[in-house]
Protein backbone atom coordinates (compact mmCIF):
# COMPACT_ATOMS: atom_id res chain seq x y z
CA UNK A 1 21.68 -9.00 -12.58
CA UNK A 2 20.58 -6.37 -15.16
CA UNK A 3 20.86 -6.99 -18.82
CA UNK A 4 23.63 -5.11 -20.59
CA UNK A 5 22.76 -1.37 -21.02
CA UNK A 6 24.14 -1.47 -24.63
CA UNK A 7 25.46 -4.09 -27.18
CA UNK A 8 23.97 -7.38 -28.05
CA UNK A 9 21.10 -8.98 -26.23
CA UNK A 10 18.95 -11.92 -27.20
CA UNK A 11 15.46 -13.02 -26.49
CA UNK A 12 16.30 -16.74 -25.36
CA UNK A 13 19.25 -19.08 -24.45
CA UNK A 14 21.71 -18.71 -21.63
CA UNK A 15 24.02 -15.98 -20.69
CA UNK A 16 23.94 -12.50 -19.06
CA UNK A 17 22.54 -11.01 -22.28
CA UNK A 18 19.40 -13.36 -22.41
CA UNK A 19 16.06 -11.66 -21.73
CA UNK A 20 14.55 -15.09 -20.92
CA UNK A 21 17.44 -15.68 -18.43
CA UNK A 22 16.86 -12.45 -16.68
CA UNK A 23 13.07 -12.72 -16.52
CA UNK A 24 13.10 -16.42 -15.45
CA UNK A 25 15.20 -15.41 -12.23
CA UNK A 26 14.04 -17.79 -9.53
CA UNK A 27 11.43 -19.40 -11.89
CA UNK A 28 11.77 -23.26 -11.99
CA UNK A 29 13.34 -24.58 -15.10
CA UNK A 30 16.47 -23.97 -17.06
CA UNK A 31 16.46 -20.63 -18.82
CA UNK A 32 18.70 -21.87 -21.68
CA UNK A 33 16.17 -24.80 -22.43
CA UNK A 34 13.33 -22.62 -23.75
CA UNK A 35 11.43 -22.60 -26.99
CA UNK A 36 8.72 -20.55 -28.57
CA UNK A 37 10.13 -17.31 -27.21
CA UNK A 38 7.77 -14.39 -28.01
CA UNK A 39 8.94 -10.72 -27.89
CA UNK A 40 5.40 -9.77 -27.42
CA UNK A 41 5.21 -12.15 -24.54
CA UNK A 42 8.33 -10.86 -22.99
CA UNK A 43 7.11 -7.24 -23.36
CA UNK A 44 3.46 -7.71 -22.28
CA UNK A 45 2.30 -9.00 -18.93
CA UNK A 46 -0.58 -11.60 -19.36
CA UNK A 47 0.98 -13.05 -22.56
CA UNK A 48 3.19 -16.10 -22.56
CA UNK A 49 6.80 -15.26 -22.64
CA UNK A 50 8.06 -18.69 -23.69
CA UNK A 51 7.91 -22.41 -23.12
CA UNK A 52 10.38 -24.37 -21.06
CA UNK A 53 11.52 -27.38 -23.21
CA UNK A 54 9.19 -30.24 -22.29
CA UNK A 55 7.07 -28.06 -19.91
CA UNK A 56 4.16 -25.63 -20.08
CA UNK A 57 4.18 -22.11 -21.60
CA UNK A 58 5.19 -19.53 -18.98
CA UNK A 59 4.23 -15.93 -18.39
CA UNK A 60 6.48 -14.01 -16.16
CA UNK A 61 5.35 -10.61 -14.96
CA UNK A 62 7.74 -7.67 -15.55
CA UNK A 63 8.48 -5.38 -18.58
CA UNK A 64 10.36 -2.28 -19.35
CA UNK A 65 7.62 -1.12 -21.75
CA UNK A 66 4.14 -2.97 -22.37
CA UNK A 67 3.16 -0.72 -25.30
CA UNK A 68 3.58 -1.67 -29.02
CA UNK A 69 5.59 -1.61 -30.96
CA UNK A 70 7.86 -4.02 -29.20
CA UNK A 71 11.68 -3.95 -29.41
CA UNK A 72 14.40 -5.90 -27.89
CA UNK A 73 16.40 -2.60 -27.44
CA UNK A 74 13.83 -1.74 -24.79
CA UNK A 75 15.34 -4.45 -22.61
CA UNK A 76 18.82 -2.74 -22.53
CA UNK A 77 19.62 -2.31 -18.86
CA UNK A 78 16.52 -4.31 -17.72
CA UNK A 79 16.43 -5.99 -14.49
CA UNK A 80 13.52 -8.32 -13.35
CA UNK A 81 11.77 -6.95 -10.39
CA UNK A 82 11.98 -8.35 -6.86
CA UNK A 83 11.33 -6.97 -3.44
CA UNK A 84 13.79 -7.05 -0.66
CA UNK A 85 12.89 -7.97 2.92
CA UNK A 86 11.27 -5.09 4.87
CA UNK A 87 13.52 -3.77 7.66
CA UNK A 88 12.53 -4.07 11.25
CA UNK A 89 10.86 -1.16 13.03
CA UNK A 90 13.27 1.29 14.40
CA UNK A 91 12.57 3.91 17.18
CA UNK A 92 9.84 4.70 19.60
CA UNK A 93 5.99 4.39 19.72
CA UNK A 94 5.97 1.04 17.96
CA UNK A 95 3.04 -0.05 20.16
CA UNK A 96 1.08 2.98 19.02
CA UNK A 97 0.61 1.84 15.30
CA UNK A 98 -3.15 1.35 14.67
CA UNK A 99 -3.81 1.78 18.38
CA UNK A 100 -5.50 5.23 18.63
CA UNK A 101 -8.57 6.55 20.15
CA UNK A 102 -10.10 9.98 20.32
CA UNK A 103 -13.39 11.58 21.70
CA UNK A 104 -14.73 14.97 21.24
CA UNK A 105 -17.57 15.65 23.97
CA UNK A 106 -18.29 19.14 22.61
CA UNK A 107 -20.24 18.07 19.50
CA UNK A 108 -17.35 18.73 17.13
CA UNK A 109 -16.05 16.29 14.57
CA UNK A 110 -12.77 14.46 15.22
CA UNK A 111 -10.62 11.70 13.78
CA UNK A 112 -7.57 9.42 14.29
CA UNK A 113 -5.21 8.82 11.37
CA UNK A 114 -2.35 6.35 11.35
CA UNK A 115 -0.14 6.94 8.33
CA UNK A 116 2.69 5.18 6.64
CA UNK A 117 4.24 8.22 5.09
CA UNK A 118 6.68 6.93 2.42
CA UNK A 119 9.45 8.31 0.23
CA UNK A 120 10.37 6.52 -3.06
CA UNK A 121 14.01 6.90 -4.29
CA UNK A 122 14.15 5.33 -7.71
CA UNK A 123 17.99 5.91 -7.89
CA UNK A 124 18.79 3.94 -4.68
CA UNK A 125 15.68 1.75 -5.14
CA UNK A 126 14.59 2.18 -1.48
CA UNK A 127 11.23 3.20 -0.01
CA UNK A 128 11.69 4.93 3.36
CA UNK A 129 8.73 4.87 5.59
CA UNK A 130 7.88 7.14 8.67
CA UNK A 131 4.88 5.95 10.58
CA UNK A 132 2.88 8.81 12.17
CA UNK A 133 -0.29 9.09 14.13
CA UNK A 134 -2.55 12.27 14.20
CA UNK A 135 -5.80 13.25 15.65
CA UNK A 136 -8.15 16.16 15.25
CA UNK A 137 -8.44 17.04 19.05
CA UNK A 138 -10.66 15.88 21.86
CA UNK A 139 -10.11 14.37 25.18
CA UNK A 140 -6.86 12.60 24.59
CA UNK A 141 -3.41 13.29 23.21
CA UNK A 142 -2.76 10.31 20.76
CA UNK A 143 -0.45 11.82 18.29
CA UNK A 144 2.84 10.14 17.61
CA UNK A 145 5.97 10.29 15.23
CA UNK A 146 7.89 7.28 14.36
CA UNK A 147 8.94 4.45 14.30
CA UNK A 148 10.60 4.12 10.87
CA UNK A 149 11.39 1.36 8.46
CA UNK A 150 12.33 0.79 4.84
CA UNK A 151 12.21 -1.69 1.86
CA UNK A 152 14.53 -2.03 -1.05
CA UNK A 153 13.72 -3.52 -4.39
CA UNK A 154 15.63 -4.50 -7.66
CA UNK A 155 14.54 -4.10 -11.19
CA UNK A 156 12.27 -1.62 -12.92
CA UNK A 157 9.14 -0.22 -11.12
CA UNK A 158 6.53 0.21 -13.72
CA UNK A 159 3.53 0.28 -11.39
CA UNK A 160 3.16 0.46 -7.61
CA UNK A 161 0.02 -0.26 -5.61
CA UNK A 162 -0.92 -0.68 -1.89
CA UNK A 163 -3.66 -2.27 -0.05
CA UNK A 164 -4.81 -3.28 3.50
CA UNK A 165 -5.52 -6.89 4.19
CA UNK A 166 -7.75 -7.85 7.37
CA UNK A 167 -8.58 -10.93 9.30
CA UNK A 168 -11.18 -10.96 12.15
CA UNK A 169 -11.71 -7.18 12.51
CA UNK A 170 -15.04 -5.68 13.64
CA UNK A 171 -16.02 -2.37 12.10
CA UNK A 172 -18.82 -0.23 13.43
CA UNK A 173 -20.17 3.03 12.15
CA UNK A 174 -22.99 4.20 14.44
CA UNK A 175 -24.81 7.38 15.51
CA UNK A 176 -27.69 8.69 17.71
CA UNK A 177 -31.11 9.16 15.93
CA UNK A 178 -30.82 12.14 13.53
CA UNK A 179 -27.07 12.25 13.45
CA UNK A 180 -24.44 10.98 10.89
CA UNK A 181 -22.68 7.82 11.58
CA UNK A 182 -18.82 7.75 11.70
CA UNK A 183 -16.68 6.15 9.16
CA UNK A 184 -13.57 3.92 8.75
CA UNK A 185 -11.49 5.02 5.75
CA UNK A 186 -8.43 3.63 3.93
CA UNK A 187 -6.50 6.49 2.41
CA UNK A 188 -3.88 6.49 -0.31
CA UNK A 189 -1.78 9.33 -1.72
CA UNK A 190 0.60 9.18 -4.71
CA UNK A 191 1.91 12.77 -4.05
CA UNK A 192 2.42 13.44 -0.40
CA UNK A 193 2.13 12.40 3.30
CA UNK A 194 -1.42 11.95 4.86
CA UNK A 195 -2.63 13.38 8.24
CA UNK A 196 -5.70 14.70 10.27
CA UNK A 197 -5.78 17.57 7.97
CA UNK A 198 -7.14 15.44 5.12
CA UNK A 199 -10.17 14.62 7.25
CA UNK A 200 -13.00 17.16 8.06
CA UNK A 201 -16.49 16.49 9.35
CA UNK A 202 -16.30 12.71 8.71
CA UNK A 203 -15.12 13.15 5.08
CA UNK A 204 -12.02 13.66 3.00
CA UNK A 205 -11.36 17.43 2.54
CA UNK A 206 -11.77 19.11 -0.86
CA UNK A 207 -8.20 20.22 -0.82
CA UNK A 208 -6.84 16.81 0.35
CA UNK A 209 -3.44 15.06 -0.42
CA UNK A 210 -5.53 11.77 -0.71
CA UNK A 211 -5.64 10.68 -4.38
CA UNK A 212 -7.76 7.60 -3.69
CA UNK A 213 -9.67 5.88 -0.88
CA UNK A 214 -11.84 3.02 0.26
CA UNK A 215 -14.75 3.76 2.74
CA UNK A 216 -14.81 0.38 4.68
CA UNK A 217 -17.51 1.35 7.12
CA UNK A 218 -19.65 -1.55 6.04
CA UNK A 219 -16.77 -4.04 5.64
CA UNK A 220 -13.10 -4.47 4.78
CA UNK A 221 -12.12 -3.64 1.24
CA UNK A 222 -8.69 -5.00 0.30
CA UNK A 223 -8.60 -3.04 -2.96
CA UNK A 224 -5.22 -2.17 -4.29
CA UNK A 225 -4.72 1.56 -4.96
CA UNK A 226 -2.09 3.20 -7.03
CA UNK A 227 1.01 4.92 -5.60
CA UNK A 228 3.88 6.63 -7.45
CA UNK A 229 6.58 5.29 -9.61
CA UNK A 230 8.88 8.22 -9.72
CA UNK A 231 11.00 9.55 -6.82
CA UNK A 232 9.01 11.51 -4.23
CA UNK A 233 6.57 11.27 -1.41
CA UNK A 234 3.49 8.91 -1.02
CA UNK A 235 1.39 7.41 1.71
CA UNK A 236 -1.15 4.87 2.92
CA UNK A 237 -3.32 5.47 6.05
CA UNK A 238 -6.15 4.14 8.05
CA UNK A 239 -8.49 6.56 9.65
CA UNK A 240 -11.45 6.44 12.10
CA UNK A 241 -13.78 9.42 11.84
CA UNK A 242 -16.74 10.88 13.56
CA UNK A 243 -19.05 13.79 12.52
CA UNK A 244 -20.47 16.92 14.20
CA UNK A 245 -23.58 16.22 16.15
CA UNK A 246 -26.69 17.95 17.30
CA UNK A 247 -27.83 18.36 20.98
CA UNK A 248 -28.11 14.91 22.65
CA UNK A 249 -26.18 13.51 19.71
CA UNK A 250 -23.41 10.99 19.04
CA UNK A 251 -21.36 9.75 16.08
CA UNK A 252 -18.72 6.97 16.08
CA UNK A 253 -16.47 5.17 13.70
CA UNK A 254 -14.32 2.27 14.94
CA UNK A 255 -12.37 -0.86 13.74
CA UNK A 256 -11.40 -3.40 16.54
CA UNK A 257 -9.06 -6.43 16.47
CA UNK A 258 -8.84 -8.99 19.12
CA UNK A 259 -6.93 -12.15 19.77
CA UNK A 260 -5.65 -13.70 16.65
CA UNK A 261 -7.03 -10.90 14.38
CA UNK A 262 -4.59 -9.20 12.10
CA UNK A 263 -4.09 -6.05 9.98
CA UNK A 264 -1.52 -6.16 7.11
CA UNK A 265 -0.21 -3.59 4.48
CA UNK A 266 0.79 -5.00 1.26
CA UNK A 267 2.69 -3.42 -1.79
CA UNK A 268 2.25 -4.79 -5.31
CA UNK A 269 4.77 -3.92 -8.03
CA UNK A 270 4.29 -4.24 -11.81
CA UNK A 271 0.75 -5.69 -11.27
CA UNK A 272 1.99 -9.02 -9.97
CA UNK A 273 4.90 -8.89 -7.37
CA UNK A 274 3.45 -8.71 -3.83
CA UNK A 275 5.22 -8.18 -0.53
CA UNK A 276 3.96 -7.96 3.04
CA UNK A 277 5.21 -4.53 4.10
CA UNK A 278 3.84 -4.55 7.72
CA UNK A 279 1.63 -6.89 9.87
CA UNK A 280 0.06 -6.39 13.24
CA UNK A 281 -1.78 -9.12 15.23
CA UNK A 282 -3.54 -9.26 18.46
CA UNK A 283 -5.87 -6.81 20.41
CA UNK A 284 -5.83 -3.12 19.26
CA UNK A 285 -8.33 -0.68 17.86
CA UNK A 286 -8.73 2.74 16.16
CA UNK A 287 -11.93 4.69 17.16
CA UNK A 288 -13.27 8.21 17.02
CA UNK A 289 -16.40 9.49 18.73
CA UNK A 290 -18.21 12.69 18.89
CA UNK A 291 -20.89 13.26 21.50
CA UNK A 292 -22.78 16.00 23.24
CA UNK A 293 -21.31 16.59 26.71
CA UNK A 294 -24.72 16.68 28.31
CA UNK A 295 -25.48 13.10 27.32
CA UNK A 296 -22.16 11.33 28.37
């Protein structure tokens, strides 16, 4: 439970007003049996907080304010961060997640984008998620809206990041001679949702909502990218894109999963606390192709 929002608090020892007790949480050891408690350690991640009596020095991630000068009063109302369990998917189109393919046979660029559009509410401490698929037109109608899910947390959210984690995927970015290969992109926004409108001619648009990205056309990235820590909208998305082509041209971007392959989205809070938000395994793919109709 959170430390008192006012009144006396202490660095170590037992009790509901002990910073060490709150930070230890589920950590092994007895919070009352600590020594060498450091206010700087309690306040700065990467510096030892204290030492369990007879045990090793311990650094527990989580702080209300990692900047000097350090003060115990900063811990008034502090709650050690913890993720809840992600809710089950609700609603239709669950099988469509990361299963999208689009082809434009008239030389124009196209793309498919699967977005986890999220809303963070720091009052209720819930992240609500609407999963949406959009495409930039072509021979198929692969757009979908929903399903939805959510995840709750406790404690103070000082930083929030997301990443994609892959196993066994095959990524290809190809083109006919003289044309530009397609791309596979990881997209992140700390300000809004993400959709097909953020992709143009195989690239992120100049007026895009995308605040950071990883071009993984040559291999999976797995790099954490920053989201927001105040209430509002944010998103993570995976996109397969293709470029405009000349006569007798072709451009393709594709990521393919088969058998026991998997795609996972993770969230990381306060630089240390990771949760698997969503996992999909089996056979599925996202692909985008542009071609000249005269060659297909």
